[in-house]
Protein backbone atom coordinates (compact mmCIF):
# COMPACT_ATOMS: atom_id res chain seq x y z
CA MET A 1 -54.76 51.50 -9.27
CA PHE A 2 -52.52 51.33 -12.31
CA GLY A 3 -51.18 48.74 -14.59
CA PHE A 4 -47.68 48.69 -16.01
CA SER A 5 -46.42 47.24 -19.18
CA LYS A 6 -43.49 48.08 -21.34
CA LYS A 7 -43.28 46.31 -24.70
CA SER A 8 -39.86 47.24 -25.54
CA ALA A 9 -38.39 45.54 -22.42
CA GLN A 10 -36.22 42.38 -23.44
CA SER A 11 -35.25 39.78 -20.81
CA THR A 12 -31.72 38.73 -20.55
CA ASN A 13 -30.18 35.37 -19.91
CA THR A 14 -26.67 35.87 -18.62
CA HIS A 15 -26.27 31.99 -18.84
CA THR A 16 -26.49 31.27 -22.43
CA ASN A 17 -23.63 29.07 -22.76
CA VAL A 18 -23.96 27.15 -19.05
CA SER A 19 -26.45 24.42 -18.71
CA TRP A 20 -28.58 24.33 -15.80
CA ALA A 21 -26.82 21.10 -14.45
CA GLU A 22 -23.48 23.00 -14.51
CA ARG A 23 -25.08 26.14 -12.64
CA LEU A 24 -26.94 23.65 -10.22
CA LYS A 25 -23.52 21.96 -9.55
CA SER A 26 -21.95 25.41 -9.06
CA GLY A 27 -24.73 26.64 -6.78
CA LEU A 28 -24.61 23.69 -4.54
CA ALA A 29 -20.75 23.99 -4.14
CA ARG A 30 -20.81 25.05 -0.44
CA THR A 31 -23.25 22.22 0.55
CA ARG A 32 -21.18 19.75 -1.60
CA GLN A 33 -18.20 20.65 0.24
CA GLN A 34 -19.78 20.16 3.52
CA LEU A 35 -21.49 16.81 2.63
CA GLY A 36 -19.78 15.10 -0.36
CA GLY A 37 -16.52 16.70 0.21
CA GLY A 38 -16.64 15.85 3.94
CA LEU A 39 -17.42 12.32 3.10
CA LEU A 40 -14.77 12.13 0.77
CA GLY A 41 -12.07 13.17 3.36
CA LEU A 42 -13.31 10.91 5.92
CA LEU A 43 -13.20 7.86 3.69
CA GLY A 44 -9.85 8.69 2.15
CA ARG A 45 -8.20 8.48 5.50
CA ARG A 46 -9.27 4.86 6.64
CA ARG A 47 -11.31 1.95 6.43
CA ILE A 48 -15.08 2.00 7.20
CA ASP A 49 -15.83 1.38 10.90
CA GLU A 50 -18.11 2.71 13.42
CA ASP A 51 -16.04 5.64 14.22
CA LEU A 52 -16.21 6.83 10.82
CA LEU A 53 -20.01 6.43 10.68
CA GLU A 54 -20.05 8.65 14.05
CA GLU A 55 -17.98 11.30 12.02
CA LEU A 56 -20.36 10.78 9.03
CA GLU A 57 -23.33 11.55 11.21
CA SER A 58 -21.96 14.76 12.25
CA THR A 59 -21.26 15.66 8.58
CA LEU A 60 -24.74 15.13 7.66
CA LEU A 61 -26.01 17.15 10.65
CA MET A 62 -23.91 20.08 9.75
CA ALA A 63 -25.25 20.11 6.25
CA ASP A 64 -28.82 20.66 8.17
CA CYS A 65 -30.16 17.40 6.82
CA GLY A 66 -32.03 17.08 10.40
CA VAL A 67 -31.75 14.30 12.92
CA ASP A 68 -34.34 12.19 11.34
CA VAL A 69 -32.75 12.00 7.99
CA THR A 70 -29.25 11.70 9.32
CA GLN A 71 -30.28 8.66 11.37
CA ARG A 72 -32.00 7.11 8.65
CA LEU A 73 -29.06 7.54 6.03
CA ILE A 74 -26.70 6.34 8.81
CA GLU A 75 -28.66 3.13 9.59
CA GLU A 76 -28.94 2.13 5.88
CA SER A 77 -24.84 2.87 5.57
CA ARG A 78 -24.39 0.71 8.60
CA THR A 79 -26.73 -2.12 7.16
CA ARG A 80 -25.09 -2.04 3.78
CA TRP A 81 -21.59 -1.85 5.15
CA LYS A 82 -22.32 -5.02 7.13
CA LYS A 83 -24.48 -6.91 4.79
CA ASP A 84 -22.75 -5.98 1.34
CA ARG A 85 -19.41 -5.45 3.08
CA LEU A 86 -18.84 -2.12 1.84
CA GLU A 87 -15.14 -1.06 1.70
CA SER A 88 -14.48 1.71 -0.62
CA ALA A 89 -15.33 5.58 -0.44
CA GLU A 90 -17.12 5.11 -3.81
CA GLN A 91 -19.65 2.46 -2.40
CA LEU A 92 -20.68 4.36 0.70
CA ARG A 93 -21.06 7.75 -1.22
CA GLN A 94 -23.30 5.79 -3.70
CA THR A 95 -25.41 4.36 -0.73
CA LEU A 96 -25.82 7.78 0.67
CA ALA A 97 -26.90 9.32 -2.78
CA ASP A 98 -29.48 6.35 -3.36
CA GLY A 99 -30.70 6.98 0.41
CA LEU A 100 -31.17 10.61 -0.19
CA LEU A 101 -32.72 10.30 -3.57
CA GLU A 102 -35.27 7.98 -2.15
CA ILE A 103 -35.96 10.68 0.51
CA LEU A 104 -36.26 13.71 -1.79
CA THR A 105 -38.11 12.05 -4.71
CA PRO A 106 -41.64 12.65 -3.10
CA LEU A 107 -40.83 16.29 -3.27
CA GLU A 108 -40.63 16.30 -6.77
CA GLU A 109 -43.99 17.37 -8.28
CA GLY A 110 -44.44 19.53 -11.18
CA LEU A 111 -46.77 22.48 -11.06
CA ASP A 112 -49.78 22.04 -13.67
CA VAL A 113 -51.23 25.42 -14.45
CA SER A 114 -53.54 24.19 -17.15
CA GLY A 115 -56.76 23.42 -15.21
CA HIS A 116 -57.70 27.14 -14.61
CA LYS A 117 -57.65 30.56 -16.29
CA PRO A 118 -56.37 32.54 -14.83
CA TYR A 119 -54.37 30.19 -12.49
CA ILE A 120 -53.74 32.31 -9.56
CA ILE A 121 -50.45 31.74 -7.49
CA MET A 122 -50.20 33.36 -4.09
CA LEU A 123 -46.68 33.89 -2.94
CA ALA A 124 -45.82 34.10 0.75
CA GLY A 125 -42.56 34.26 3.03
CA VAL A 126 -40.69 36.08 5.50
CA ASN A 127 -38.86 39.27 4.68
CA GLY A 128 -35.51 38.68 2.73
CA SER A 129 -36.51 35.08 1.52
CA GLY A 130 -36.29 36.32 -1.99
CA LYS A 131 -39.94 36.29 -2.69
CA THR A 132 -40.43 39.51 -4.98
CA THR A 133 -37.53 38.12 -7.02
CA SER A 134 -38.68 34.87 -7.32
CA ILE A 135 -41.91 36.13 -8.84
CA GLY A 136 -39.93 38.08 -11.28
CA LYS A 137 -37.96 34.77 -12.28
CA LEU A 138 -41.24 32.77 -12.10
CA ALA A 139 -42.99 35.18 -14.57
CA LYS A 140 -39.90 34.48 -17.17
CA HIS A 141 -40.33 30.65 -16.45
CA PHE A 142 -44.18 30.60 -17.42
CA GLN A 143 -43.57 33.04 -20.33
CA SER A 144 -40.86 30.49 -21.81
CA GLN A 145 -43.78 27.99 -21.62
CA GLY A 146 -45.89 30.28 -23.75
CA LYS A 147 -48.12 31.56 -20.97
CA SER A 148 -49.13 35.01 -20.42
CA VAL A 149 -48.59 36.42 -17.07
CA LEU A 150 -49.70 39.32 -14.78
CA LEU A 151 -48.27 40.36 -11.60
CA ALA A 152 -50.00 41.63 -8.43
CA ALA A 153 -47.92 43.79 -6.26
CA GLY A 154 -49.53 42.74 -2.91
CA ASP A 155 -46.75 43.93 -0.76
CA THR A 156 -48.10 47.29 -0.05
CA PHE A 157 -46.06 47.85 3.21
CA ARG A 158 -42.71 48.38 1.19
CA ALA A 159 -42.56 50.71 -1.60
CA ALA A 160 -39.30 49.21 -2.49
CA ALA A 161 -41.15 45.70 -3.11
CA ARG A 162 -43.63 47.42 -5.60
CA GLU A 163 -40.76 49.12 -7.44
CA GLN A 164 -39.07 46.01 -7.69
CA LEU A 165 -41.83 44.17 -9.03
CA MET A 166 -42.49 46.73 -11.43
CA ALA A 167 -38.83 46.52 -12.73
CA TRP A 168 -39.22 42.85 -13.06
CA GLY A 169 -42.39 43.42 -15.06
CA GLU A 170 -40.71 45.92 -17.42
CA ARG A 171 -37.85 43.45 -17.62
CA ASN A 172 -40.24 40.46 -18.83
CA ASP A 173 -42.63 42.56 -20.55
CA VAL A 174 -45.35 41.88 -17.98
CA THR A 175 -48.27 43.87 -16.96
CA VAL A 176 -48.00 44.93 -13.05
CA ILE A 177 -50.98 46.01 -11.24
CA ALA A 178 -50.12 48.02 -8.29
CA GLN A 179 -50.97 50.95 -6.17
CA ASP A 180 -49.31 53.50 -3.72
CA GLY A 181 -50.03 51.96 -0.38
CA GLY A 182 -53.58 50.59 0.36
CA ASP A 183 -54.79 47.20 1.29
CA ALA A 184 -53.06 44.31 -0.25
CA ALA A 185 -56.27 42.17 -0.75
CA ALA A 186 -57.83 45.01 -2.89
CA VAL A 187 -54.77 45.22 -5.12
CA ILE A 188 -54.80 41.36 -5.74
CA PHE A 189 -58.75 41.41 -6.12
CA ASP A 190 -58.38 43.95 -8.93
CA ALA A 191 -55.40 42.00 -10.54
CA ILE A 192 -57.52 38.97 -10.70
CA ASN A 193 -60.41 40.79 -12.36
CA ALA A 194 -57.86 42.43 -14.73
CA ALA A 195 -56.40 39.22 -15.61
CA ARG A 196 -59.88 37.75 -16.35
CA ALA A 197 -60.62 40.78 -18.43
CA ARG A 198 -57.60 40.23 -20.61
CA GLY A 199 -57.50 36.56 -20.92
CA ILE A 200 -54.15 36.10 -18.93
CA ASP A 201 -53.07 32.60 -17.95
CA ILE A 202 -51.41 33.23 -15.03
CA VAL A 203 -51.50 35.75 -12.03
CA LEU A 204 -48.63 36.01 -9.60
CA ALA A 205 -49.46 37.68 -6.25
CA ASP A 206 -47.00 39.06 -4.04
CA THR A 207 -47.67 39.50 -0.36
CA ALA A 208 -45.78 41.53 2.31
CA GLY A 209 -43.08 39.55 4.08
CA ARG A 210 -43.94 38.39 7.68
CA LEU A 211 -42.66 36.47 10.60
CA PRO A 212 -44.83 33.44 11.63
CA THR A 213 -44.57 35.19 15.25
CA GLN A 214 -46.29 38.22 13.90
CA LEU A 215 -49.76 36.84 14.45
CA HIS A 216 -51.72 40.09 13.33
CA LEU A 217 -49.61 39.86 10.06
CA MET A 218 -50.21 36.19 9.85
CA GLU A 219 -54.06 36.87 10.13
CA GLU A 220 -53.74 39.61 7.38
CA ILE A 221 -52.26 36.94 4.79
CA ALA A 222 -55.09 34.60 5.79
CA LYS A 223 -57.41 37.59 4.87
CA VAL A 224 -55.67 37.85 1.56
CA ARG A 225 -56.28 34.26 0.69
CA ARG A 226 -60.06 34.60 1.27
CA VAL A 227 -60.39 37.68 -0.72
CA ILE A 228 -58.75 35.74 -3.51
CA ALA A 229 -61.49 33.13 -2.87
CA LYS A 230 -63.95 35.87 -3.35
CA ALA A 231 -62.62 37.10 -6.65
CA GLU A 232 -62.19 33.61 -7.99
CA PRO A 233 -63.92 30.80 -5.94
CA SER A 234 -61.54 27.99 -7.11
CA GLY A 235 -58.47 30.19 -6.20
CA PRO A 236 -55.90 30.46 -5.18
CA HIS A 237 -54.83 27.71 -7.09
CA GLU A 238 -51.44 27.49 -5.72
CA VAL A 239 -49.87 29.01 -2.26
CA MET A 240 -46.28 28.85 -2.75
CA LEU A 241 -44.04 29.48 0.29
CA VAL A 242 -40.67 31.10 -0.52
CA LEU A 243 -37.98 29.78 1.89
CA ASP A 244 -34.24 31.11 2.25
CA ALA A 245 -31.86 28.12 2.34
CA ASN A 246 -29.56 29.98 4.42
CA ILE A 247 -32.01 29.42 7.49
CA GLY A 248 -31.46 25.73 7.68
CA GLN A 249 -33.60 24.16 10.20
CA ASN A 250 -35.64 27.20 10.64
CA ALA A 251 -37.34 26.57 7.41
CA LEU A 252 -39.39 23.56 8.96
CA ALA A 253 -41.05 26.01 11.46
CA GLN A 254 -41.79 28.67 8.67
CA VAL A 255 -43.54 25.78 6.92
CA LYS A 256 -45.47 24.58 9.62
CA ALA A 257 -46.90 28.27 10.36
CA PHE A 258 -47.58 29.45 7.02
CA ASP A 259 -49.42 26.22 6.16
CA ALA A 260 -51.47 26.66 9.36
CA ALA A 261 -52.29 30.06 8.35
CA VAL A 262 -52.99 29.83 4.35
CA GLY A 263 -52.54 26.17 3.60
CA VAL A 264 -49.37 25.95 1.65
CA THR A 265 -49.42 23.83 -1.37
CA GLY A 266 -45.84 24.21 -2.75
CA LEU A 267 -42.50 25.62 -1.91
CA VAL A 268 -39.69 27.53 -3.60
CA LEU A 269 -36.00 27.31 -1.80
CA THR A 270 -33.90 30.25 -2.78
CA LYS A 271 -30.18 31.25 -2.30
CA LEU A 272 -28.85 27.71 -2.29
CA ASP A 273 -25.59 28.77 -3.92
CA GLY A 274 -24.95 31.05 -0.76
CA THR A 275 -25.17 28.34 1.89
CA ALA A 276 -23.84 25.01 3.00
CA LYS A 277 -27.09 23.99 4.38
CA GLY A 278 -28.69 22.45 1.39
CA GLY A 279 -29.42 19.51 3.31
CA VAL A 280 -32.54 21.20 4.62
CA VAL A 281 -34.35 19.90 1.43
CA ALA A 282 -34.15 16.39 3.14
CA ALA A 283 -35.46 17.61 6.47
CA ILE A 284 -38.21 19.04 4.72
CA ALA A 285 -39.10 15.92 2.85
CA ARG A 286 -39.18 13.98 5.96
CA GLN A 287 -40.72 16.42 8.56
CA CYS A 288 -43.09 18.53 6.53
CA PRO A 289 -43.33 17.49 3.02
CA LYS A 290 -44.77 20.01 0.61
CA PRO A 291 -44.05 19.73 -3.26
CA LEU A 292 -40.72 21.67 -3.76
CA ARG A 293 -41.69 23.47 -7.15
CA PHE A 294 -38.64 25.49 -7.74
CA ILE A 295 -35.12 25.99 -6.40
CA GLY A 296 -32.58 28.92 -6.97
CA VAL A 297 -29.05 28.86 -7.32
CA GLY A 298 -27.91 32.30 -8.22
CA GLU A 299 -29.41 36.02 -9.16
CA GLY A 300 -29.86 35.28 -13.02
CA ILE A 301 -33.27 35.46 -14.39
CA ASP A 302 -32.94 31.82 -15.29
CA ASP A 303 -31.28 30.75 -11.92
CA LEU A 304 -34.74 29.44 -10.79
CA GLN A 305 -35.77 26.07 -11.98
CA PRO A 306 -38.07 23.24 -11.14
CA PHE A 307 -36.77 20.84 -8.37
CA ARG A 308 -35.73 17.60 -9.97
CA ALA A 309 -34.46 15.20 -7.20
CA ARG A 310 -32.08 13.24 -9.28
CA GLU A 311 -30.36 16.55 -10.74
CA PHE A 312 -30.12 17.53 -7.14
CA VAL A 313 -28.47 14.46 -5.78
CA ASP A 314 -26.22 14.18 -8.61
CA ALA A 315 -25.01 17.62 -8.07
CA LEU A 316 -24.40 17.16 -4.61
CA PHE A 317 -22.46 13.86 -4.81
CA ASP A 318 -20.61 14.83 -8.08
CA VAL A 319 -17.23 13.06 -7.96
CA GLU A 320 -15.46 16.01 -9.58
CA GLY A 321 -17.32 18.59 -7.45
CA GLU A 322 -16.08 16.92 -4.44
CA GLY A 323 -12.73 17.77 -5.22
CA GLU A 324 -13.57 21.48 -5.51
CA LYS A 325 -11.99 24.11 -3.09
CA THR A 326 -13.57 27.24 -2.23
């Protein structure tokens, strides 16, 4: 077992002059083109009628909003159209934006890490979801709040994951507890004890990626959770599931499977900048609501930020953004 820290490392911000709102708008460009741009194209051709609402329904489904959310938004639009005599693209766009905001607002729940020291965050997810990278970005986020952080390299199956986490540790000037191979639960157990001894505020515990269908691996991650509870009876204080936005509706199955295995308390949605399926956020809100703690829209260290429903909806339905071409 060994710890790693490099005091000379300096984290860099590649977006110094670009606000988060601008990065979010840029990151959601593909989903916006599918959703907002599709809406503008539909409404620019003709008046609102049932045929247009049917086409709008297809647009929402293609953005992976899901059947439940799509039906709700279409019914609200139909009601407003008939009751309030909607005529313009802007009126219908605003109706959709308001409806989506109402759906997404319950997901906005900030993570309060003040109740325990160390505050233990266990991260889970399938291979390729961006879990290890997200841990590095979360470390930077908590450091910016004045918190001390320790990383536990609990993905002992992939040497590359350990090396990647240690690189993030060096970049952020954060200690990493790791070992060559061995038992993930043992690594995290030692990390918690090390954090307690050093007075560290937050432990971010990585775990090996696994598919929900790999039952023996799902049982193993459940074991990791039990071992954390042995090291700290009140922990883990947060079980964060990292989801790749590119998988769209498959995210729902992942949330349900990991929740059954380890009791998911919060979500991280990554890679929103690479997909037109950002509407899956709404599907999650309706079908398996869990607090959406953070969203990621790029590779930069500051491109993972707390989810705010109003920011998200504004970026999706931005009028200027709707005219963008990709």
